[in-house]
Amino acid sequence: MPSVIQRIKQYTRSPQGRRTVEQARRAASDPRRRAQAKRLLSKWRTRR
């Protein structure tokens, strides 16, 4: 059974994985989305 990392690598090489990666890149370049992600991560970190 492949490890989690190997399965992720396989997914990112697939057409669907490439689309997902491209969407994530576009979202990361948008300042509004970046701020939204930052808020979410800070909320998540403070709860732990």
PDB file of N, CA and C in Angstrom:
ATOM      1  N   MET A   1       0.848  -1.185   0.000  1.00  0.00           N
ATOM      2  CA  MET A   1       0.000   0.000   0.000  1.00  0.00           C
ATOM      3  C   MET A   1       0.893   1.249   0.000  1.00  0.00           C
ATOM      4  N   PRO A   2       0.622   2.171  -0.929  1.00  0.00           N
ATOM      5  CA  PRO A   2       1.470   3.369  -1.004  1.00  0.00           C
ATOM      6  C   PRO A   2       1.280   4.278   0.219  1.00  0.00           C
ATOM      7  N   SER A   3       2.368   4.963   0.555  1.00  0.00           N
ATOM      8  CA  SER A   3       2.297   5.876   1.691  1.00  0.00           C
ATOM      9  C   SER A   3       1.452   7.099   1.314  1.00  0.00           C
ATOM     10  N   VAL A   4       1.130   7.881   2.293  1.00  0.00           N
ATOM     11  CA  VAL A   4       0.293   9.064   2.073  1.00  0.00           C
ATOM     12  C   VAL A   4       0.991  10.025   1.103  1.00  0.00           C
ATOM     13  N   ILE A   5       2.274  10.233   1.287  1.00  0.00           N
ATOM     14  CA  ILE A   5       3.026  11.146   0.418  1.00  0.00           C
ATOM     15  C   ILE A   5       2.995  10.648  -1.027  1.00  0.00           C
ATOM     16  N   GLN A   6       3.177   9.357  -1.223  1.00  0.00           N
ATOM     17  CA  GLN A   6       3.149   8.798  -2.578  1.00  0.00           C
ATOM     18  C   GLN A   6       1.775   8.982  -3.214  1.00  0.00           C
ATOM     19  N   ARG A   7       0.731   8.807  -2.419  1.00  0.00           N
ATOM     20  CA  ARG A   7      -0.622   8.973  -2.953  1.00  0.00           C
ATOM     21  C   ARG A   7      -0.877  10.432  -3.336  1.00  0.00           C
ATOM     22  N   ILE A   8      -0.358  11.358  -2.540  1.00  0.00           N
ATOM     23  CA  ILE A   8      -0.507  12.780  -2.858  1.00  0.00           C
ATOM     24  C   ILE A   8       0.234  13.105  -4.149  1.00  0.00           C
ATOM     25  N   LYS A   9       1.450  12.567  -4.298  1.00  0.00           N
ATOM     26  CA  LYS A   9       2.228  12.792  -5.518  1.00  0.00           C
ATOM     27  C   LYS A   9       1.481  12.265  -6.745  1.00  0.00           C
ATOM     28  N   GLN A  10       0.906  11.077  -6.604  1.00  0.00           N
ATOM     29  CA  GLN A  10       0.149  10.502  -7.720  1.00  0.00           C
ATOM     30  C   GLN A  10      -1.032  11.398  -8.080  1.00  0.00           C
ATOM     31  N   TYR A  11      -1.718  11.896  -7.074  1.00  0.00           N
ATOM     32  CA  TYR A  11      -2.879  12.755  -7.305  1.00  0.00           C
ATOM     33  C   TYR A  11      -2.476  14.046  -8.010  1.00  0.00           C
ATOM     34  N   THR A  12      -1.376  14.668  -7.562  1.00  0.00           N
ATOM     35  CA  THR A  12      -0.976  15.943  -8.175  1.00  0.00           C
ATOM     36  C   THR A  12      -0.513  15.764  -9.617  1.00  0.00           C
ATOM     37  N   ARG A  13      -0.136  14.570  -9.981  1.00  0.00           N
ATOM     38  CA  ARG A  13       0.271  14.309 -11.370  1.00  0.00           C
ATOM     39  C   ARG A  13      -0.922  13.998 -12.275  1.00  0.00           C
ATOM     40  N   SER A  14      -2.064  13.724 -11.679  1.00  0.00           N
ATOM     41  CA  SER A  14      -3.253  13.422 -12.471  1.00  0.00           C
ATOM     42  C   SER A  14      -3.875  14.716 -12.998  1.00  0.00           C
ATOM     43  N   PRO A  15      -4.701  14.644 -14.039  1.00  0.00           N
ATOM     44  CA  PRO A  15      -5.340  15.859 -14.569  1.00  0.00           C
ATOM     45  C   PRO A  15      -6.173  16.598 -13.516  1.00  0.00           C
ATOM     46  N   GLN A  16      -6.908  15.849 -12.713  1.00  0.00           N
ATOM     47  CA  GLN A  16      -7.721  16.487 -11.675  1.00  0.00           C
ATOM     48  C   GLN A  16      -6.828  17.156 -10.628  1.00  0.00           C
ATOM     49  N   GLY A  17      -5.738  16.511 -10.285  1.00  0.00           N
ATOM     50  CA  GLY A  17      -4.800  17.081  -9.322  1.00  0.00           C
ATOM     51  C   GLY A  17      -4.162  18.353  -9.846  1.00  0.00           C
ATOM     52  N   ARG A  18      -3.831  18.366 -11.132  1.00  0.00           N
ATOM     53  CA  ARG A  18      -3.245  19.575 -11.739  1.00  0.00           C
ATOM     54  C   ARG A  18      -4.228  20.734 -11.695  1.00  0.00           C
ATOM     55  N   ARG A  19      -5.505  20.430 -11.947  1.00  0.00           N
ATOM     56  CA  ARG A  19      -6.529  21.482 -11.862  1.00  0.00           C
ATOM     57  C   ARG A  19      -6.623  22.029 -10.443  1.00  0.00           C
ATOM     58  N   THR A  20      -6.601  21.123  -9.474  1.00  0.00           N
ATOM     59  CA  THR A  20      -6.690  21.528  -8.074  1.00  0.00           C
ATOM     60  C   THR A  20      -5.503  22.409  -7.688  1.00  0.00           C
ATOM     61  N   VAL A  21      -4.311  22.021  -8.114  1.00  0.00           N
ATOM     62  CA  VAL A  21      -3.106  22.797  -7.814  1.00  0.00           C
ATOM     63  C   VAL A  21      -3.208  24.178  -8.450  1.00  0.00           C
ATOM     64  N   GLU A  22      -3.679  24.236  -9.678  1.00  0.00           N
ATOM     65  CA  GLU A  22      -3.810  25.528 -10.375  1.00  0.00           C
ATOM     66  C   GLU A  22      -4.829  26.422  -9.670  1.00  0.00           C
ATOM     67  N   GLN A  23      -5.936  25.845  -9.228  1.00  0.00           N
ATOM     68  CA  GLN A  23      -6.938  26.626  -8.485  1.00  0.00           C
ATOM     69  C   GLN A  23      -6.351  27.174  -7.189  1.00  0.00           C
ATOM     70  N   ALA A  24      -5.574  26.353  -6.510  1.00  0.00           N
ATOM     71  CA  ALA A  24      -4.948  26.782  -5.254  1.00  0.00           C
ATOM     72  C   ALA A  24      -3.955  27.907  -5.508  1.00  0.00           C
ATOM     73  N   ARG A  25      -3.209  27.812  -6.599  1.00  0.00           N
ATOM     74  CA  ARG A  25      -2.253  28.887  -6.939  1.00  0.00           C
ATOM     75  C   ARG A  25      -2.973  30.192  -7.213  1.00  0.00           C
ATOM     76  N   ARG A  26      -4.077  30.103  -7.963  1.00  0.00           N
ATOM     77  CA  ARG A  26      -4.844  31.324  -8.261  1.00  0.00           C
ATOM     78  C   ARG A  26      -5.419  31.937  -6.992  1.00  0.00           C
ATOM     79  N   ALA A  27      -5.947  31.087  -6.117  1.00  0.00           N
ATOM     80  CA  ALA A  27      -6.516  31.574  -4.854  1.00  0.00           C
ATOM     81  C   ALA A  27      -5.437  32.197  -3.982  1.00  0.00           C
ATOM     82  N   ALA A  28      -4.246  31.623  -3.988  1.00  0.00           N
ATOM     83  CA  ALA A  28      -3.149  32.143  -3.165  1.00  0.00           C
ATOM     84  C   ALA A  28      -2.656  33.487  -3.674  1.00  0.00           C
ATOM     85  N   SER A  29      -2.821  33.739  -4.960  1.00  0.00           N
ATOM     86  CA  SER A  29      -2.345  35.016  -5.504  1.00  0.00           C
ATOM     87  C   SER A  29      -3.357  36.139  -5.304  1.00  0.00           C
ATOM     88  N   ASP A  30      -4.583  35.803  -4.953  1.00  0.00           N
ATOM     89  CA  ASP A  30      -5.622  36.806  -4.715  1.00  0.00           C
ATOM     90  C   ASP A  30      -5.483  37.348  -3.288  1.00  0.00           C
ATOM     91  N   PRO A  31      -5.251  38.646  -3.112  1.00  0.00           N
ATOM     92  CA  PRO A  31      -5.037  39.208  -1.770  1.00  0.00           C
ATOM     93  C   PRO A  31      -6.201  38.961  -0.811  1.00  0.00           C
ATOM     94  N   ARG A  32      -7.418  39.007  -1.319  1.00  0.00           N
ATOM     95  CA  ARG A  32      -8.589  38.793  -0.462  1.00  0.00           C
ATOM     96  C   ARG A  32      -8.623  37.354   0.063  1.00  0.00           C
ATOM     97  N   ARG A  33      -8.351  36.411  -0.825  1.00  0.00           N
ATOM     98  CA  ARG A  33      -8.326  34.991  -0.434  1.00  0.00           C
ATOM     99  C   ARG A  33      -7.174  34.713   0.534  1.00  0.00           C
ATOM    100  N   ARG A  34      -6.048  35.373   0.274  1.00  0.00           N
ATOM    101  CA  ARG A  34      -4.889  35.175   1.143  1.00  0.00           C
ATOM    102  C   ARG A  34      -5.199  35.640   2.564  1.00  0.00           C
ATOM    103  N   ALA A  35      -5.865  36.788   2.684  1.00  0.00           N
ATOM    104  CA  ALA A  35      -6.252  37.308   3.998  1.00  0.00           C
ATOM    105  C   ALA A  35      -7.249  36.361   4.668  1.00  0.00           C
ATOM    106  N   GLN A  36      -8.167  35.839   3.885  1.00  0.00           N
ATOM    107  CA  GLN A  36      -9.165  34.906   4.412  1.00  0.00           C
ATOM    108  C   GLN A  36      -8.469  33.648   4.962  1.00  0.00           C
ATOM    109  N   ALA A  37      -7.515  33.135   4.225  1.00  0.00           N
ATOM    110  CA  ALA A  37      -6.786  31.939   4.668  1.00  0.00           C
ATOM    111  C   ALA A  37      -5.967  32.243   5.923  1.00  0.00           C
ATOM    112  N   LYS A  38      -5.387  33.422   5.961  1.00  0.00           N
ATOM    113  CA  LYS A  38      -4.592  33.815   7.129  1.00  0.00           C
ATOM    114  C   LYS A  38      -5.457  33.867   8.386  1.00  0.00           C
ATOM    115  N   ARG A  39      -6.648  34.438   8.255  1.00  0.00           N
ATOM    116  CA  ARG A  39      -7.577  34.505   9.393  1.00  0.00           C
ATOM    117  C   ARG A  39      -7.977  33.108   9.849  1.00  0.00           C
ATOM    118  N   LEU A  40      -8.270  32.252   8.904  1.00  0.00           N
ATOM    119  CA  LEU A  40      -8.675  30.884   9.226  1.00  0.00           C
ATOM    120  C   LEU A  40      -7.559  30.142   9.947  1.00  0.00           C
ATOM    121  N   LEU A  41      -6.337  30.273   9.439  1.00  0.00           N
ATOM    122  CA  LEU A  41      -5.213  29.593  10.073  1.00  0.00           C
ATOM    123  C   LEU A  41      -4.941  30.134  11.470  1.00  0.00           C
ATOM    124  N   SER A  42      -5.043  31.434  11.648  1.00  0.00           N
ATOM    125  CA  SER A  42      -4.788  31.994  12.974  1.00  0.00           C
ATOM    126  C   SER A  42      -5.865  31.546  13.964  1.00  0.00           C
ATOM    127  N   LYS A  43      -7.094  31.451  13.492  1.00  0.00           N
ATOM    128  CA  LYS A  43      -8.185  30.957  14.341  1.00  0.00           C
ATOM    129  C   LYS A  43      -7.916  29.510  14.748  1.00  0.00           C
ATOM    130  N   TRP A  44      -7.492  28.725  13.791  1.00  0.00           N
ATOM    131  CA  TRP A  44      -7.232  27.307  14.030  1.00  0.00           C
ATOM    132  C   TRP A  44      -6.069  27.125  14.998  1.00  0.00           C
ATOM    133  N   ARG A  45      -5.033  27.958  14.847  1.00  0.00           N
ATOM    134  CA  ARG A  45      -3.862  27.852  15.726  1.00  0.00           C
ATOM    135  C   ARG A  45      -4.185  28.242  17.154  1.00  0.00           C
ATOM    136  N   THR A  46      -5.038  29.235  17.342  1.00  0.00           N
ATOM    137  CA  THR A  46      -5.343  29.690  18.697  1.00  0.00           C
ATOM    138  C   THR A  46      -6.219  28.680  19.445  1.00  0.00           C
ATOM    139  N   ARG A  47      -6.965  27.892  18.727  1.00  0.00           N
ATOM    140  CA  ARG A  47      -7.828  26.888  19.372  1.00  0.00           C
ATOM    141  C   ARG A  47      -7.042  25.718  19.932  1.00  0.00           C
ATOM    142  N   ARG A  48      -5.894  25.448  19.398  1.00  0.00           N
ATOM    143  CA  ARG A  48      -5.116  24.270  19.804  1.00  0.00           C
ATOM    144  C   ARG A  48      -4.385  24.489  21.073  1.00  0.00           C
TER     145      ARG A  48
END
